[in-house]
Amino acid sequence: MSEASCETIVIAIDGPAGAGKSTAARLLAEHLKFFLLDTGALYRVMALHLVRIGIAPDAEIIPEGALASLDLRIEPKIASMRLFLGEEEVTSMIRDEWLGVQASRFSTKPEVRRALLGLQRATGSKWNLVAEGRDMGTVVFPDAQVKFFVTADLGERAKRRHLELLERGDSPPLDMVKDEMRARDHRDESRQESPLCKASDAITIDTTNLTPQQVLERMMEHIKTKIGWPLGDGRAKSAI
């Protein structure tokens, strides 16, 4: 993958867990041939790093040296990315549900969010990308050309996450999944640093009664209106 030779395009997608933003981001990136920046995965790698060196999510202060010692490398691809912790690829390993909970707890800490901010922004200066997370349009890429806020009602989000876990071989009760999702929403919305909220210029898409394809179609309609598509200046070809 080469650096963009001209101005890059960033499409920011934010929203709560289970709203379908990950699926929407992947489908959109595939359609546009853009790099997909899954920022939740970056926090999972950070959580894995910190746990491995003996730091718990409830630690009052995380030493600056512990954060600075993170050796995270991103290998971008169309609609995906590979992640390495040192020389070890952790792309699949970090999908463990337990690690996701730890990442959510670590992400409430301002020093953790600041430690990953520069890395996230650097990707937007190099490649056309779809950036998916919880503060993409408000903090990380406030000047993104297009912003979406993807949401759905809590019951539907819990059902989707429960089905995802069942497909992975886990079988937690649906009520437990719903309670954890509610708790995660609270952590995301109430944290001091970069809380989950909709950017003032973001387009809201409620996916409760929409298929992934319908979500993609709505996003593309807005993109065509906002910046035009296909682009005539070659920027779309500079993603990879």
Protein backbone atom coordinates (compact mmCIF):
# COMPACT_ATOMS: atom_id res chain seq x y z
CA MET A 1 0.00 0.00 0.00
CA SER A 2 1.39 3.39 -0.96
CA GLU A 3 0.78 6.81 0.47
CA ALA A 4 -1.86 8.94 -1.19
CA SER A 5 -0.39 11.31 -3.76
CA CYS A 6 -3.04 13.96 -3.10
CA GLU A 7 -5.64 14.86 -0.51
CA THR A 8 -7.12 11.82 1.14
CA ILE A 9 -10.76 11.15 1.92
CA VAL A 10 -11.94 10.16 5.39
CA ILE A 11 -15.43 8.83 6.07
CA ALA A 12 -16.15 8.65 9.82
CA ILE A 13 -18.67 6.20 11.26
CA ASP A 14 -19.53 6.36 14.95
CA GLY A 15 -22.12 4.63 17.10
CA PRO A 16 -22.73 2.33 20.07
CA ALA A 17 -21.84 -1.35 20.27
CA GLY A 18 -24.03 -3.70 18.24
CA ALA A 19 -25.54 -0.97 16.07
CA GLY A 20 -24.10 -2.51 12.91
CA LYS A 21 -21.43 0.09 12.30
CA SER A 22 -18.67 -2.49 11.85
CA THR A 23 -20.61 -4.29 9.13
CA ALA A 24 -21.59 -1.00 7.52
CA ALA A 25 -18.00 0.25 7.61
CA ARG A 26 -16.66 -2.94 6.04
CA LEU A 27 -19.27 -2.97 3.25
CA LEU A 28 -18.70 0.71 2.54
CA ALA A 29 -14.92 0.29 2.45
CA GLU A 30 -15.28 -2.68 0.10
CA HIS A 31 -17.57 -0.69 -2.17
CA LEU A 32 -15.24 2.34 -2.26
CA LYS A 33 -12.00 0.28 -2.25
CA PHE A 34 -10.86 2.17 0.86
CA PHE A 35 -8.76 1.09 3.83
CA LEU A 36 -10.88 0.23 6.88
CA LEU A 37 -9.67 1.67 10.19
CA ASP A 38 -11.30 -0.35 12.99
CA THR A 39 -10.35 1.78 15.98
CA GLY A 40 -11.98 -0.61 18.44
CA ALA A 41 -9.36 -3.15 17.37
CA LEU A 42 -6.59 -0.71 18.24
CA TYR A 43 -7.94 -0.40 21.77
CA ARG A 44 -8.08 -4.18 22.01
CA VAL A 45 -4.40 -4.39 21.08
CA MET A 46 -3.60 -1.75 23.67
CA ALA A 47 -5.60 -3.72 26.26
CA LEU A 48 -3.74 -6.91 25.37
CA HIS A 49 -0.42 -5.09 25.72
CA LEU A 50 -1.29 -3.58 29.09
CA VAL A 51 -2.71 -6.80 30.55
CA ARG A 52 0.40 -8.68 29.44
CA ILE A 53 2.66 -6.31 31.34
CA GLY A 54 0.53 -6.58 34.46
CA ILE A 55 -1.65 -3.48 34.37
CA ALA A 56 -5.32 -3.87 35.28
CA PRO A 57 -8.15 -1.82 33.74
CA ASP A 58 -9.05 -0.45 37.18
CA ALA A 59 -5.56 0.96 37.77
CA GLU A 60 -5.86 4.58 38.88
CA ILE A 61 -2.94 5.71 36.74
CA ILE A 62 -1.30 3.95 33.83
CA PRO A 63 2.42 4.76 33.63
CA GLU A 64 3.41 6.77 30.57
CA GLY A 65 6.17 4.26 29.92
CA ALA A 66 3.65 1.42 29.69
CA LEU A 67 1.67 3.28 27.03
CA ALA A 68 4.77 4.42 25.14
CA SER A 69 6.11 0.85 25.01
CA LEU A 70 3.19 -0.29 22.86
CA ASP A 71 4.71 -1.69 19.65
CA LEU A 72 1.65 -1.64 17.40
CA ARG A 73 1.93 -1.92 13.63
CA ILE A 74 -0.96 -1.63 11.19
CA GLU A 75 -0.84 -3.33 7.81
CA PRO A 76 -3.73 -1.75 5.87
CA LYS A 77 -5.69 -3.56 3.17
CA ILE A 78 -8.86 -2.81 1.26
CA ALA A 79 -11.79 -3.02 3.73
CA SER A 80 -9.60 -4.54 6.45
CA MET A 81 -6.31 -4.36 8.30
CA ARG A 82 -3.80 -6.67 9.95
CA LEU A 83 -2.49 -5.81 13.39
CA PHE A 84 0.85 -6.73 14.90
CA LEU A 85 2.03 -6.42 18.50
CA GLY A 86 5.75 -6.43 17.98
CA GLU A 87 6.34 -9.28 15.51
CA GLU A 88 3.24 -11.19 16.64
CA GLU A 89 0.11 -10.90 14.52
CA VAL A 90 -2.87 -10.45 16.84
CA THR A 91 -5.60 -9.70 14.29
CA SER A 92 -7.70 -12.74 15.24
CA MET A 93 -6.64 -13.07 18.88
CA ILE A 94 -8.03 -9.68 19.89
CA ARG A 95 -11.59 -10.67 18.92
CA ASP A 96 -12.02 -12.55 22.19
CA GLU A 97 -15.06 -11.14 24.03
CA TRP A 98 -13.19 -10.92 27.33
CA LEU A 99 -10.56 -8.72 25.73
CA GLY A 100 -13.28 -6.52 24.29
CA VAL A 101 -14.56 -5.86 27.81
CA GLN A 102 -11.05 -5.00 29.00
CA ALA A 103 -10.57 -2.66 26.04
CA SER A 104 -13.83 -0.88 26.86
CA ARG A 105 -12.66 -0.33 30.44
CA PHE A 106 -9.18 0.84 29.43
CA SER A 107 -10.65 3.20 26.85
CA THR A 108 -12.34 5.28 29.55
CA LYS A 109 -8.89 6.48 30.65
CA PRO A 110 -7.79 9.78 29.04
CA GLU A 111 -4.15 8.74 28.86
CA VAL A 112 -5.04 5.61 26.87
CA ARG A 113 -7.11 7.56 24.36
CA ARG A 114 -4.41 10.18 23.94
CA ALA A 115 -1.79 7.48 23.41
CA LEU A 116 -3.67 6.15 20.35
CA LEU A 117 -4.85 9.47 18.92
CA GLY A 118 -1.74 10.24 16.89
CA LEU A 119 -1.62 6.77 15.37
CA GLN A 120 -5.24 7.00 14.27
CA ARG A 121 -4.85 10.45 12.73
CA ALA A 122 -1.72 9.39 10.87
CA THR A 123 -3.70 6.83 8.88
CA GLY A 124 -6.04 9.54 7.64
CA SER A 125 -3.13 11.57 6.30
CA LYS A 126 -1.80 8.62 4.28
CA TRP A 127 -4.78 6.72 2.88
CA ASN A 128 -8.40 7.07 1.86
CA LEU A 129 -10.25 5.36 4.65
CA VAL A 130 -13.48 4.51 6.38
CA ALA A 131 -12.85 5.07 10.09
CA GLU A 132 -15.13 3.24 12.48
CA GLY A 133 -15.36 3.86 16.21
CA ARG A 134 -16.96 6.03 18.86
CA ASP A 135 -15.23 9.39 18.48
CA MET A 136 -14.14 9.40 14.85
CA GLY A 137 -16.27 12.34 13.74
CA THR A 138 -15.98 14.33 16.96
CA VAL A 139 -12.33 13.99 18.04
CA VAL A 140 -10.09 11.91 15.79
CA PHE A 141 -11.25 13.21 12.39
CA PRO A 142 -13.35 16.33 13.07
CA ASP A 143 -12.71 17.49 9.49
CA ALA A 144 -13.78 14.22 7.85
CA GLN A 145 -15.53 14.90 4.56
CA VAL A 146 -18.44 12.59 5.46
CA LYS A 147 -19.72 11.54 8.90
CA PHE A 148 -22.32 8.99 9.94
CA PHE A 149 -23.77 8.08 13.33
CA VAL A 150 -25.10 4.53 13.23
CA THR A 151 -27.51 3.44 15.96
CA ALA A 152 -30.26 0.93 16.81
CA ASP A 153 -32.42 0.20 19.83
CA LEU A 154 -30.79 -1.65 22.73
CA GLY A 155 -32.86 -4.81 22.41
CA GLU A 156 -31.96 -5.24 18.75
CA ARG A 157 -28.30 -4.51 19.40
CA ALA A 158 -28.19 -7.12 22.17
CA LYS A 159 -29.80 -9.74 19.91
CA ARG A 160 -27.22 -9.09 17.21
CA ARG A 161 -24.30 -9.38 19.62
CA HIS A 162 -25.78 -12.53 21.18
CA LEU A 163 -26.07 -14.17 17.76
CA GLU A 164 -22.49 -13.16 16.95
CA LEU A 165 -21.25 -14.78 20.17
CA LEU A 166 -23.23 -17.95 19.50
CA GLU A 167 -21.64 -18.20 16.07
CA ARG A 168 -18.22 -17.98 17.74
CA GLY A 169 -19.06 -20.85 20.06
CA ASP A 170 -19.91 -18.79 23.15
CA SER A 171 -23.33 -19.12 24.78
CA PRO A 172 -23.95 -16.35 27.31
CA PRO A 173 -27.58 -15.64 28.27
CA LEU A 174 -29.20 -12.89 26.20
CA ASP A 175 -30.00 -10.91 29.35
CA MET A 176 -26.33 -10.95 30.32
CA VAL A 177 -25.34 -9.66 26.88
CA LYS A 178 -27.94 -6.90 27.14
CA ASP A 179 -26.78 -5.87 30.61
CA GLU A 180 -23.13 -5.72 29.50
CA MET A 181 -24.11 -3.67 26.45
CA ARG A 182 -26.05 -1.24 28.62
CA ALA A 183 -23.03 -0.92 30.93
CA ARG A 184 -20.75 -0.38 27.95
CA ASP A 185 -23.04 2.34 26.60
CA HIS A 186 -22.81 4.08 29.96
CA ARG A 187 -19.00 3.87 30.01
CA ASP A 188 -18.75 5.16 26.46
CA GLU A 189 -21.18 8.04 26.95
CA SER A 190 -19.99 9.17 30.38
CA ARG A 191 -16.21 8.92 30.10
CA GLN A 192 -14.29 12.12 30.62
CA GLU A 193 -12.18 11.88 27.46
CA SER A 194 -13.89 11.71 24.05
CA PRO A 195 -17.35 10.43 25.10
CA LEU A 196 -19.57 8.74 22.56
CA CYS A 197 -21.81 11.36 20.97
CA LYS A 198 -23.02 12.34 17.55
CA ALA A 199 -21.04 14.95 15.64
CA SER A 200 -23.17 17.97 14.80
CA ASP A 201 -22.65 17.41 11.07
CA ALA A 202 -23.14 13.62 11.09
CA ILE A 203 -25.98 11.85 9.35
CA THR A 204 -27.89 9.48 11.67
CA ILE A 205 -28.82 6.05 10.36
CA ASP A 206 -31.03 3.86 12.57
CA THR A 207 -30.34 0.28 11.53
CA THR A 208 -33.00 -1.37 13.75
CA ASN A 209 -35.17 -2.35 10.78
CA LEU A 210 -32.61 -2.13 7.98
CA THR A 211 -30.55 -4.81 6.27
CA PRO A 212 -26.79 -4.22 5.86
CA GLN A 213 -27.35 -3.63 2.14
CA GLN A 214 -29.98 -0.99 2.85
CA VAL A 215 -27.59 0.76 5.24
CA LEU A 216 -24.91 0.75 2.54
CA GLU A 217 -27.33 2.20 0.00
CA ARG A 218 -28.29 5.05 2.35
CA MET A 219 -24.65 5.82 3.01
CA MET A 220 -23.81 5.90 -0.68
CA GLU A 221 -26.74 8.20 -1.40
CA HIS A 222 -25.37 10.69 1.09
CA ILE A 223 -21.78 10.32 -0.13
CA LYS A 224 -22.86 11.03 -3.69
CA THR A 225 -24.67 14.14 -2.52
CA LYS A 226 -21.90 15.32 -0.21
CA ILE A 227 -18.70 14.74 -2.22
CA GLY A 228 -19.83 13.10 -5.46
CA TRP A 229 -19.01 9.60 -6.66
CA PRO A 230 -17.10 8.36 -8.52
CA LEU A 231 -14.54 11.09 -7.97
CA GLY A 232 -13.02 12.58 -11.06
CA ASP A 233 -9.62 13.56 -9.67
CA GLY A 234 -8.17 10.11 -9.04
CA ARG A 235 -8.30 10.27 -5.26
CA ALA A 236 -10.34 7.08 -5.04
CA LYS A 237 -7.52 5.20 -6.74
CA SER A 238 -4.97 6.34 -4.18
CA ALA A 239 -6.37 4.24 -1.33
CA ILE A 240 -4.23 1.17 -2.05
